[in-house]
Amino acid sequence: MNVNFHLKIFSIDRRITISLKWIQYGIILATVLLAVASAYWGSMAILIFVVGVLGGIAIFLTLLNYPNMGFILIFLGGMFIPFTGPGGINISILTVILMLGLWLMEMFIVRRKFEFVKSRAIRPAFYMLLVSILSFAMGQIPWFVFANQAPLDAQIGGFAIYFCLVAAMIMTANVVRDVKWLKAIVWVFIGLGAAYVLGRTLQFPFINQLYQNGFYANSMFWMWMVALPLGQAIFNNHLTLRTRVLLYGLVALTFYVALAQQNDWKSGWVPAAVTATALIGLKFRKVIPFAFPFVLIVAAYLAQNLISTDVYSWSTRVDAWLVVLDISRVSPIIGLGFSNYYWYAKVFSIRGYSIKFNSHSQFVDIIAQTGILGLVCFMWILFEVGRLAWKLMDNLPDGFAKGYAYSVFAGVLGSLMAAFLVDWLLPFAYNIGLDGVRASILPWIFFGGLISLEQIYFVNQKTDPESLRDQRLKPVKA
């Protein structure tokens, strides 16, 4: 058996064949060399390096042949692999960067043309990438003479978070070309998340050591652990009664852990509650006009109760928002660059103290770092994803796809609430940080998955969508 691949680089165009025997010899030789190197230096750091190299090679080869496996590797790495590099860099964001690189290389070297799926939700994402690049460049300007700028590594980290997460949505929309892969991605996430929720419910002492804190201590994990199972349970009529009951039970356990075990952490259950309310409301749409006044009253009561039980936290957040917005006035259109406002805050006073602090608000963070343009692009992305989900809810065939569209629509509403509470969707370098990417990647993957459904079922299709449920999409030039 031989390994064949087609090499296309500029004017080079040839087929290369490598004998399996030589691949085996190469693996044996590499293993021996690495083992000798490890024995010679004899340190744990070398051993970790060797394991990392072998693991990286395995991931690289896997992604070359099965690009969609990368999303499952992102989940596995984010949940279980404790590796944390400089600044909090972890296996999740490294996998995203590798996937982005391979995807771009495939277009540049193999196809020799850049083409992207055509969707209204893609355009604001590209604008967001452009604004992020401009903001990073503007961040090199010292906006305040008597204050230090953020170190370059912190600026690069903040830029990488914004750029990689938004680019991940675009990549997902282009790479996931089959409903079967999207199903696998969703059900693997639900299964892995269910294991954690069950472990927390039964109070297994090892569960928080097995799963990484950056993943389960993130609002996005809890919100999507409600949005996806509940959306499938309510709207996927291809599921058996037993499966639906299990999904309802999983949602109930998720709320039990979020409410009973960690009630004080509002980011854990408030966005999830918004998501669940939206899904239930969509199921009983005819009742909404009559129930809306009561829902509004309950929401107002809960909001007042939540604020009254944590008055100091709420009041200090408002003060922080006002100060950060005041800092941002020097560059309101394109922002101060990534991570800079955290250092500029010492020039300003908050309650009589001259200290560094962050805003604890996604919206204020975006204004401070990427300006009004960044906020417009961010809200535009959420609007277009929500609009697309609303359109697909009633047009997709029954089954997984319909349930997924409902889940994403509710997820957009929950994401808005999460963004109001803290910077969960686009983590701030000095708050949630790079470690938060482990779970903050989730909405961007699932938003991209919705665009994939649009392409699979409706782009350039002239026949009944249901008969094309598993048809692979063909990218359309942007």
Protein backbone atom coordinates (compact mmCIF):
# COMPACT_ATOMS: atom_id res chain seq x y z
CA MET A 1 0.00 0.00 0.00
CA ASN A 2 1.35 3.41 -0.99
CA VAL A 3 0.46 6.94 0.08
CA ASN A 4 -0.27 9.26 -2.84
CA PHE A 5 -0.81 12.99 -2.79
CA HIS A 6 -0.99 15.75 -5.37
CA LEU A 7 1.47 18.62 -4.82
CA LYS A 8 0.55 21.96 -6.32
CA ILE A 9 2.74 24.95 -5.45
CA PHE A 10 2.97 27.81 -7.94
CA SER A 11 4.38 26.20 -11.14
CA ILE A 12 5.00 22.80 -9.50
CA ASP A 13 2.31 20.25 -10.32
CA ARG A 14 3.15 16.62 -9.70
CA ARG A 15 1.91 13.48 -8.00
CA ILE A 16 4.12 12.03 -5.28
CA THR A 17 4.00 8.41 -4.13
CA ILE A 18 5.55 7.29 -0.84
CA SER A 19 5.83 3.60 -0.04
CA LEU A 20 4.19 2.50 3.21
CA LYS A 21 7.43 0.68 4.04
CA TRP A 22 9.37 3.96 4.09
CA ILE A 23 6.70 5.60 6.25
CA GLN A 24 7.05 2.75 8.76
CA TYR A 25 10.85 3.09 8.72
CA GLY A 26 10.49 6.83 9.27
CA ILE A 27 8.17 6.37 12.26
CA ILE A 28 10.54 3.81 13.82
CA LEU A 29 13.56 6.07 13.28
CA ALA A 30 11.76 9.13 14.70
CA THR A 31 10.64 7.14 17.76
CA VAL A 32 14.17 5.86 18.42
CA LEU A 33 15.69 9.33 18.04
CA LEU A 34 13.12 10.89 20.36
CA ALA A 35 13.59 8.12 22.92
CA VAL A 36 17.39 8.55 22.84
CA ALA A 37 17.04 12.33 23.19
CA SER A 38 14.69 11.92 26.15
CA ALA A 39 17.03 9.45 27.85
CA TYR A 40 20.06 11.65 27.26
CA TRP A 41 18.61 14.83 28.72
CA GLY A 42 16.44 12.92 31.18
CA SER A 43 14.04 15.66 32.26
CA MET A 44 10.27 15.85 32.52
CA ALA A 45 10.30 18.87 30.20
CA ILE A 46 11.92 16.79 27.45
CA LEU A 47 9.40 14.00 27.97
CA ILE A 48 6.51 16.46 27.72
CA PHE A 49 8.10 17.94 24.61
CA VAL A 50 8.41 14.50 23.01
CA VAL A 51 4.81 13.62 23.81
CA GLY A 52 3.71 17.02 22.50
CA VAL A 53 5.60 16.55 19.23
CA LEU A 54 4.15 13.08 18.67
CA GLY A 55 0.67 14.32 19.56
CA GLY A 56 1.06 17.32 17.28
CA ILE A 57 2.11 15.10 14.38
CA ALA A 58 -0.88 12.84 14.98
CA ILE A 59 -3.27 15.82 15.07
CA PHE A 60 -1.70 17.29 11.93
CA LEU A 61 -2.07 14.05 9.97
CA THR A 62 -5.64 13.62 11.23
CA LEU A 63 -6.64 17.11 10.13
CA LEU A 64 -5.06 16.64 6.72
CA ASN A 65 -7.35 13.69 6.03
CA TYR A 66 -10.39 14.58 8.15
CA PRO A 67 -10.60 18.38 8.66
CA ASN A 68 -13.93 18.11 10.51
CA MET A 69 -12.26 16.00 13.21
CA GLY A 70 -10.64 19.25 14.30
CA PHE A 71 -13.86 20.42 15.94
CA ILE A 72 -14.03 17.28 18.06
CA LEU A 73 -10.33 17.70 18.91
CA ILE A 74 -11.10 21.27 20.02
CA PHE A 75 -13.71 19.90 22.44
CA LEU A 76 -11.43 17.14 23.73
CA GLY A 77 -8.45 19.45 24.12
CA GLY A 78 -10.47 22.20 25.77
CA MET A 79 -12.10 19.84 28.23
CA PHE A 80 -9.30 17.46 29.18
CA ILE A 81 -5.79 18.59 28.20
CA PRO A 82 -4.26 20.76 30.97
CA PHE A 83 -1.48 22.19 28.80
CA THR A 84 -1.16 25.94 29.28
CA GLY A 85 1.58 27.88 27.57
CA PRO A 86 2.71 31.51 27.87
CA GLY A 87 -0.18 33.89 28.48
CA GLY A 88 -2.65 31.03 28.89
CA ILE A 89 -2.37 29.67 25.34
CA ASN A 90 -3.88 26.19 25.24
CA ILE A 91 -4.59 23.26 22.96
CA SER A 92 -7.98 24.66 21.89
CA ILE A 93 -6.67 27.85 20.35
CA LEU A 94 -3.63 26.04 18.93
CA THR A 95 -5.96 23.58 17.19
CA VAL A 96 -8.05 26.47 15.84
CA ILE A 97 -4.91 28.15 14.48
CA LEU A 98 -3.76 24.87 12.89
CA MET A 99 -7.18 24.30 11.31
CA LEU A 100 -7.25 27.85 9.95
CA GLY A 101 -3.76 27.44 8.52
CA LEU A 102 -4.55 24.13 6.82
CA TRP A 103 -7.83 25.48 5.43
CA LEU A 104 -6.12 28.54 3.94
CA MET A 105 -3.27 26.42 2.56
CA GLU A 106 -5.76 24.07 0.94
CA MET A 107 -7.36 27.00 -0.88
CA PHE A 108 -4.03 28.60 -1.80
CA ILE A 109 -2.01 25.53 -2.80
CA VAL A 110 -4.55 22.92 -3.92
CA ARG A 111 -7.46 24.96 -5.30
CA ARG A 112 -5.30 27.99 -6.16
CA LYS A 113 -8.19 30.31 -5.44
CA PHE A 114 -9.85 31.75 -2.38
CA GLU A 115 -13.58 31.08 -2.29
CA PHE A 116 -16.04 31.20 0.57
CA VAL A 117 -19.63 30.19 1.03
CA LYS A 118 -22.07 32.95 0.22
CA SER A 119 -24.13 34.03 3.21
CA ARG A 120 -25.24 37.33 4.71
CA ALA A 121 -23.75 36.28 8.05
CA ILE A 122 -20.26 35.92 6.57
CA ARG A 123 -19.85 39.55 5.48
CA PRO A 124 -19.92 41.18 8.96
CA ALA A 125 -17.52 38.50 10.18
CA PHE A 126 -14.98 39.53 7.54
CA TYR A 127 -15.51 43.18 8.48
CA MET A 128 -14.88 42.24 12.11
CA LEU A 129 -11.56 40.65 11.12
CA LEU A 130 -10.58 43.80 9.23
CA VAL A 131 -11.54 46.06 12.14
CA SER A 132 -9.53 43.86 14.52
CA ILE A 133 -6.43 44.23 12.34
CA LEU A 134 -6.84 48.02 12.18
CA SER A 135 -7.42 48.22 15.94
CA PHE A 136 -4.29 46.18 16.62
CA ALA A 137 -2.29 48.61 14.49
CA MET A 138 -3.87 51.61 16.22
CA GLY A 139 -3.02 50.04 19.55
CA GLN A 140 0.66 50.73 18.93
CA ILE A 141 -0.04 54.45 19.34
CA PRO A 142 0.54 55.72 22.92
CA TRP A 143 -2.83 57.34 23.54
CA PHE A 144 -1.97 58.63 27.03
CA VAL A 145 1.44 60.14 27.73
CA PHE A 146 1.40 59.38 31.46
CA ALA A 147 0.27 55.75 31.14
CA ASN A 148 1.98 52.62 29.88
CA GLN A 149 0.63 50.62 26.99
CA ALA A 150 -0.17 46.95 27.38
CA PRO A 151 2.83 44.69 26.73
CA LEU A 152 3.02 43.48 23.15
CA ASP A 153 2.33 39.86 24.13
CA ALA A 154 -0.91 40.93 25.83
CA GLN A 155 -1.93 42.90 22.74
CA ILE A 156 -1.16 39.93 20.50
CA GLY A 157 -3.13 37.66 22.83
CA GLY A 158 -6.17 39.94 22.75
CA PHE A 159 -5.96 40.24 18.97
CA ALA A 160 -5.60 36.45 18.58
CA ILE A 161 -8.77 35.89 20.61
CA TYR A 162 -10.89 38.19 18.46
CA PHE A 163 -9.38 37.13 15.15
CA CYS A 164 -9.31 33.37 15.73
CA LEU A 165 -12.81 33.08 17.19
CA VAL A 166 -14.51 35.09 14.44
CA ALA A 167 -12.40 33.34 11.78
CA ALA A 168 -13.46 30.02 13.31
CA MET A 169 -17.08 30.84 12.44
CA ILE A 170 -16.13 31.52 8.82
CA MET A 171 -14.03 28.36 8.68
CA THR A 172 -16.79 26.19 10.16
CA ALA A 173 -19.26 27.45 7.57
CA ASN A 174 -16.83 26.45 4.80
CA VAL A 175 -15.37 23.22 6.18
CA VAL A 176 -18.50 21.45 7.47
CA ARG A 177 -20.08 20.29 4.22
CA ASP A 178 -22.17 17.36 5.39
CA VAL A 179 -25.02 17.17 7.89
CA LYS A 180 -23.57 13.93 9.24
CA TRP A 181 -20.44 15.75 10.40
CA LEU A 182 -22.48 18.52 12.03
CA LYS A 183 -24.51 15.86 13.84
CA ALA A 184 -21.30 14.22 15.05
CA ILE A 185 -19.93 17.54 16.32
CA VAL A 186 -23.13 18.36 18.22
CA TRP A 187 -23.69 14.93 19.75
CA VAL A 188 -20.05 14.56 20.79
CA PHE A 189 -20.27 17.90 22.59
CA ILE A 190 -23.54 16.92 24.28
CA GLY A 191 -22.10 13.54 25.31
CA LEU A 192 -18.88 14.97 26.76
CA GLY A 193 -20.78 17.75 28.50
CA ALA A 194 -23.33 15.29 29.89
CA ALA A 195 -20.53 13.28 31.52
CA TYR A 196 -19.38 16.41 33.37
CA VAL A 197 -22.90 17.42 34.42
CA LEU A 198 -23.60 13.90 35.69
CA GLY A 199 -20.32 13.86 37.60
CA ARG A 200 -21.16 17.20 39.23
CA THR A 201 -24.67 16.00 40.06
CA LEU A 202 -23.30 12.89 41.79
CA GLN A 203 -20.54 15.05 43.32
CA PHE A 204 -17.68 12.87 42.14
CA PRO A 205 -14.56 14.45 43.70
CA PHE A 206 -12.39 13.84 40.64
CA ILE A 207 -14.65 15.44 38.03
CA ASN A 208 -13.26 18.98 38.38
CA GLN A 209 -9.73 17.60 38.13
CA LEU A 210 -10.57 15.60 35.00
CA TYR A 211 -12.20 18.55 33.19
CA GLN A 212 -10.36 21.83 32.80
CA ASN A 213 -11.47 24.89 34.77
CA GLY A 214 -11.26 27.12 31.69
CA PHE A 215 -13.99 25.03 30.08
CA TYR A 216 -16.57 24.39 32.80
CA ALA A 217 -16.10 27.80 34.48
CA ASN A 218 -17.38 29.51 31.34
CA SER A 219 -20.94 30.64 30.72
CA MET A 220 -20.86 29.37 27.13
CA PHE A 221 -20.53 25.75 28.25
CA TRP A 222 -23.63 25.91 30.43
CA MET A 223 -25.67 27.87 27.91
CA TRP A 224 -25.00 25.48 25.01
CA MET A 225 -25.55 22.49 27.31
CA VAL A 226 -29.12 23.78 27.53
CA ALA A 227 -29.60 25.17 24.02
CA LEU A 228 -28.54 22.11 22.02
CA PRO A 229 -30.16 19.26 24.03
CA LEU A 230 -33.39 21.20 24.64
CA GLY A 231 -33.66 22.30 21.01
CA GLN A 232 -33.29 18.70 19.84
CA ALA A 233 -35.68 17.36 22.48
CA ILE A 234 -38.44 19.82 21.57
CA PHE A 235 -38.10 20.20 17.80
CA ASN A 236 -36.35 17.06 16.47
CA ASN A 237 -39.29 14.74 15.87
CA HIS A 238 -37.00 12.02 14.52
CA LEU A 239 -35.83 11.24 18.05
CA THR A 240 -37.36 8.39 20.01
CA LEU A 241 -39.33 9.09 23.17
CA ARG A 242 -36.53 7.57 25.26
CA THR A 243 -33.93 9.89 23.72
CA ARG A 244 -36.13 12.92 24.29
CA VAL A 245 -36.65 11.99 27.93
CA LEU A 246 -32.89 11.60 28.37
CA LEU A 247 -32.29 15.04 26.83
CA TYR A 248 -34.93 16.64 29.06
CA GLY A 249 -33.28 14.96 32.02
CA LEU A 250 -29.88 16.29 30.97
CA VAL A 251 -31.25 19.84 30.76
CA ALA A 252 -32.83 19.43 34.21
CA LEU A 253 -29.53 18.21 35.68
CA THR A 254 -27.68 21.09 34.03
CA PHE A 255 -29.99 23.57 35.72
CA TYR A 256 -29.69 21.66 39.00
CA VAL A 257 -25.91 22.07 38.98
CA ALA A 258 -26.07 25.67 37.74
CA LEU A 259 -28.80 26.77 40.16
CA ALA A 260 -28.49 24.57 43.23
CA GLN A 261 -24.74 24.05 43.37
CA GLN A 262 -23.50 27.39 42.00
CA ASN A 263 -26.43 29.76 42.40
CA ASP A 264 -24.24 32.77 43.19
CA TRP A 265 -22.56 32.50 39.78
CA LYS A 266 -25.18 34.22 37.65
CA SER A 267 -23.30 33.75 34.39
CA GLY A 268 -23.77 30.01 34.86
CA TRP A 269 -27.55 29.96 34.78
CA VAL A 270 -28.99 33.31 33.62
CA PRO A 271 -27.97 32.98 29.91
CA ALA A 272 -29.04 29.33 30.01
CA ALA A 273 -32.41 30.36 31.47
CA VAL A 274 -32.88 32.93 28.69
CA THR A 275 -32.11 30.23 26.13
CA ALA A 276 -34.55 27.74 27.67
CA THR A 277 -37.28 30.39 27.91
CA ALA A 278 -36.80 31.25 24.23
CA LEU A 279 -37.06 27.60 23.15
CA ILE A 280 -40.18 26.98 25.22
CA GLY A 281 -41.71 30.20 23.89
CA LEU A 282 -40.97 29.15 20.30
CA LYS A 283 -42.69 25.84 20.94
CA PHE A 284 -45.85 27.62 22.09
CA ARG A 285 -45.79 30.65 19.80
CA LYS A 286 -49.55 31.13 19.83
CA VAL A 287 -49.48 31.70 23.57
CA ILE A 288 -46.72 34.34 23.43
CA PRO A 289 -49.03 37.38 22.94
CA PHE A 290 -50.96 36.41 26.07
CA ALA A 291 -47.98 35.26 28.12
CA PHE A 292 -45.64 38.12 27.18
CA PRO A 293 -46.88 40.60 29.84
CA PHE A 294 -46.47 37.97 32.56
CA VAL A 295 -43.01 37.00 31.28
CA LEU A 296 -42.03 40.67 31.30
CA ILE A 297 -43.20 41.06 34.90
CA VAL A 298 -41.31 37.94 36.00
CA ALA A 299 -38.18 39.08 34.13
CA ALA A 300 -38.34 42.52 35.76
CA TYR A 301 -38.78 40.95 39.19
CA LEU A 302 -35.87 38.56 38.68
CA ALA A 303 -33.64 41.36 37.38
CA GLN A 304 -34.45 43.51 40.39
CA ASN A 305 -33.87 40.56 42.71
CA LEU A 306 -30.54 39.69 41.11
CA ILE A 307 -29.33 43.28 41.40
CA SER A 308 -30.57 43.71 44.98
CA THR A 309 -28.74 40.57 46.14
CA ASP A 310 -25.46 41.86 44.73
CA VAL A 311 -25.71 45.65 44.89
CA TYR A 312 -22.00 46.29 45.36
CA SER A 313 -20.99 44.19 42.35
CA TRP A 314 -23.61 45.82 40.14
CA SER A 315 -22.76 49.38 41.20
CA THR A 316 -19.01 48.87 40.73
CA ARG A 317 -19.64 47.39 37.28
CA VAL A 318 -21.60 50.48 36.26
CA ASP A 319 -18.78 52.68 37.54
CA ALA A 320 -16.26 50.62 35.58
CA TRP A 321 -18.35 50.91 32.39
CA LEU A 322 -18.48 54.69 32.71
CA VAL A 323 -14.74 55.02 33.30
CA VAL A 324 -13.81 52.68 30.43
CA LEU A 325 -16.16 54.51 28.07
CA ASP A 326 -14.57 57.77 29.19
CA ILE A 327 -11.13 56.32 28.39
CA SER A 328 -12.40 55.25 24.96
CA ARG A 329 -13.36 58.80 23.99
CA VAL A 330 -9.84 59.44 22.64
CA SER A 331 -10.42 56.88 19.86
CA PRO A 332 -14.14 56.09 19.68
CA ILE A 333 -14.29 54.83 16.08
CA ILE A 334 -11.53 52.22 15.94
CA GLY A 335 -10.74 51.81 19.65
CA LEU A 336 -7.56 51.87 21.72
CA GLY A 337 -6.22 48.53 20.52
CA PHE A 338 -6.19 45.25 22.39
CA SER A 339 -5.65 45.15 26.17
CA ASN A 340 -4.52 48.80 26.34
CA TYR A 341 -7.43 50.27 28.29
CA TYR A 342 -6.58 48.00 31.23
CA TRP A 343 -3.27 49.86 31.60
CA TYR A 344 -4.70 53.29 30.81
CA ALA A 345 -7.24 52.85 33.62
CA LYS A 346 -4.60 53.80 36.22
CA VAL A 347 -4.66 57.37 34.89
CA PHE A 348 -8.35 57.57 35.74
CA SER A 349 -9.95 57.24 39.14
CA ILE A 350 -12.66 54.75 40.07
CA ARG A 351 -14.19 55.39 43.49
CA GLY A 352 -11.05 57.24 44.53
CA TYR A 353 -8.63 54.48 43.51
CA SER A 354 -6.13 54.61 40.65
CA ILE A 355 -5.94 50.94 39.71
CA LYS A 356 -6.00 48.69 36.67
CA PHE A 357 -9.35 47.02 36.04
CA ASN A 358 -11.50 45.59 33.27
CA SER A 359 -15.09 46.43 32.39
CA HIS A 360 -16.77 43.02 32.94
CA SER A 361 -18.94 43.73 29.90
CA GLN A 362 -18.52 42.36 26.39
CA PHE A 363 -20.06 45.44 24.81
CA VAL A 364 -17.88 47.94 26.70
CA ASP A 365 -14.79 45.79 26.06
CA ILE A 366 -15.45 45.79 22.33
CA ILE A 367 -15.91 49.58 22.25
CA ALA A 368 -12.70 50.13 24.23
CA GLN A 369 -10.61 47.76 22.09
CA THR A 370 -12.12 47.98 18.59
CA GLY A 371 -14.32 51.06 18.85
CA ILE A 372 -17.82 51.67 17.60
CA LEU A 373 -16.94 49.90 14.34
CA GLY A 374 -16.12 46.73 16.26
CA LEU A 375 -19.37 46.88 18.23
CA VAL A 376 -21.38 47.42 15.04
CA CYS A 377 -19.73 44.39 13.40
CA PHE A 378 -20.26 42.25 16.51
CA MET A 379 -23.95 43.11 16.75
CA TRP A 380 -24.30 42.70 12.99
CA ILE A 381 -22.92 39.15 13.22
CA LEU A 382 -25.40 38.23 15.96
CA PHE A 383 -28.26 39.86 14.05
CA GLU A 384 -27.46 38.00 10.83
CA VAL A 385 -27.03 34.66 12.60
CA GLY A 386 -30.31 35.21 14.45
CA ARG A 387 -32.07 36.27 11.25
CA LEU A 388 -30.76 33.19 9.44
CA ALA A 389 -31.84 30.89 12.26
CA TRP A 390 -35.32 32.45 12.23
CA LYS A 391 -35.54 31.91 8.47
CA LEU A 392 -34.35 28.29 8.64
CA MET A 393 -36.55 27.26 11.57
CA ASP A 394 -39.66 26.97 9.39
CA ASN A 395 -37.95 25.99 6.13
CA LEU A 396 -35.62 23.16 7.10
CA PRO A 397 -36.91 19.58 6.99
CA ASP A 398 -37.99 17.96 10.24
CA GLY A 399 -35.31 16.31 12.30
CA PHE A 400 -31.86 17.30 13.48
CA ALA A 401 -31.50 20.34 11.20
CA LYS A 402 -34.72 21.97 12.40
CA GLY A 403 -33.84 21.37 16.05
CA TYR A 404 -30.38 22.82 15.45
CA ALA A 405 -31.77 26.01 13.90
CA TYR A 406 -34.05 26.55 16.91
CA SER A 407 -31.12 25.92 19.26
CA VAL A 408 -28.92 28.50 17.54
CA PHE A 409 -31.67 31.12 17.52
CA ALA A 410 -32.13 30.68 21.26
CA GLY A 411 -28.34 30.60 21.62
CA VAL A 412 -28.08 34.05 20.03
CA LEU A 413 -30.47 35.45 22.64
CA GLY A 414 -28.57 33.71 25.43
CA SER A 415 -25.29 35.02 24.02
CA LEU A 416 -26.58 38.59 24.21
CA MET A 417 -27.35 38.08 27.90
CA ALA A 418 -23.94 36.48 28.50
CA ALA A 419 -22.24 39.39 26.71
CA PHE A 420 -24.07 41.82 28.99
CA LEU A 421 -22.83 40.00 32.09
CA VAL A 422 -19.17 39.38 31.17
CA ASP A 423 -16.94 39.09 28.10
CA TRP A 424 -17.81 35.44 27.47
CA LEU A 425 -18.02 35.48 23.65
CA LEU A 426 -14.78 37.37 22.97
CA PRO A 427 -12.72 37.07 26.17
CA PHE A 428 -10.67 40.03 27.39
CA ALA A 429 -6.99 39.15 27.78
CA TYR A 430 -6.84 40.28 31.43
CA ASN A 431 -10.15 38.73 32.49
CA ILE A 432 -11.38 35.49 30.92
CA GLY A 433 -8.21 35.37 28.84
CA LEU A 434 -6.89 32.81 26.40
CA ASP A 435 -7.83 29.99 28.77
CA GLY A 436 -11.47 30.99 28.28
CA VAL A 437 -11.20 30.18 24.57
CA ARG A 438 -11.66 26.53 25.60
CA ALA A 439 -15.42 27.22 25.87
CA SER A 440 -15.78 30.64 24.22
CA ILE A 441 -15.11 28.93 20.88
CA LEU A 442 -18.47 27.11 21.18
CA PRO A 443 -20.85 29.83 19.92
CA TRP A 444 -18.63 30.59 16.94
CA ILE A 445 -18.50 26.92 15.91
CA PHE A 446 -22.26 26.53 16.27
CA PHE A 447 -22.97 29.81 14.45
CA GLY A 448 -20.79 28.56 11.60
CA GLY A 449 -22.66 25.25 11.66
CA LEU A 450 -25.91 27.10 11.03
CA ILE A 451 -24.43 28.75 7.93
CA SER A 452 -23.36 25.28 6.78
CA LEU A 453 -26.97 24.10 7.03
CA GLU A 454 -28.03 27.05 4.91
CA GLN A 455 -25.51 26.04 2.25
CA ILE A 456 -26.34 22.33 2.36
CA TYR A 457 -30.08 22.75 2.01
CA PHE A 458 -30.69 25.94 0.07
CA VAL A 459 -27.73 27.33 -1.88
CA ASN A 460 -28.02 26.53 -5.59
CA GLN A 461 -30.55 23.77 -4.85
CA LYS A 462 -33.66 23.52 -7.01
CA THR A 463 -35.14 20.31 -5.63
CA ASP A 464 -36.91 19.40 -2.42
CA PRO A 465 -34.55 20.16 0.52
CA GLU A 466 -35.56 16.98 2.35
CA SER A 467 -34.27 14.81 -0.48
CA LEU A 468 -30.91 16.59 -0.20
CA ARG A 469 -30.54 16.27 3.54
CA ASP A 470 -27.05 14.75 3.44
CA GLN A 471 -25.82 16.30 0.19
CA ARG A 472 -22.41 17.90 0.38
CA LEU A 473 -22.35 21.62 -0.26
CA LYS A 474 -20.44 23.24 -3.07
CA PRO A 475 -18.70 26.50 -2.09
CA VAL A 476 -19.90 29.56 -3.93
CA LYS A 477 -17.55 32.39 -4.80
CA ALA A 478 -17.93 35.35 -2.45
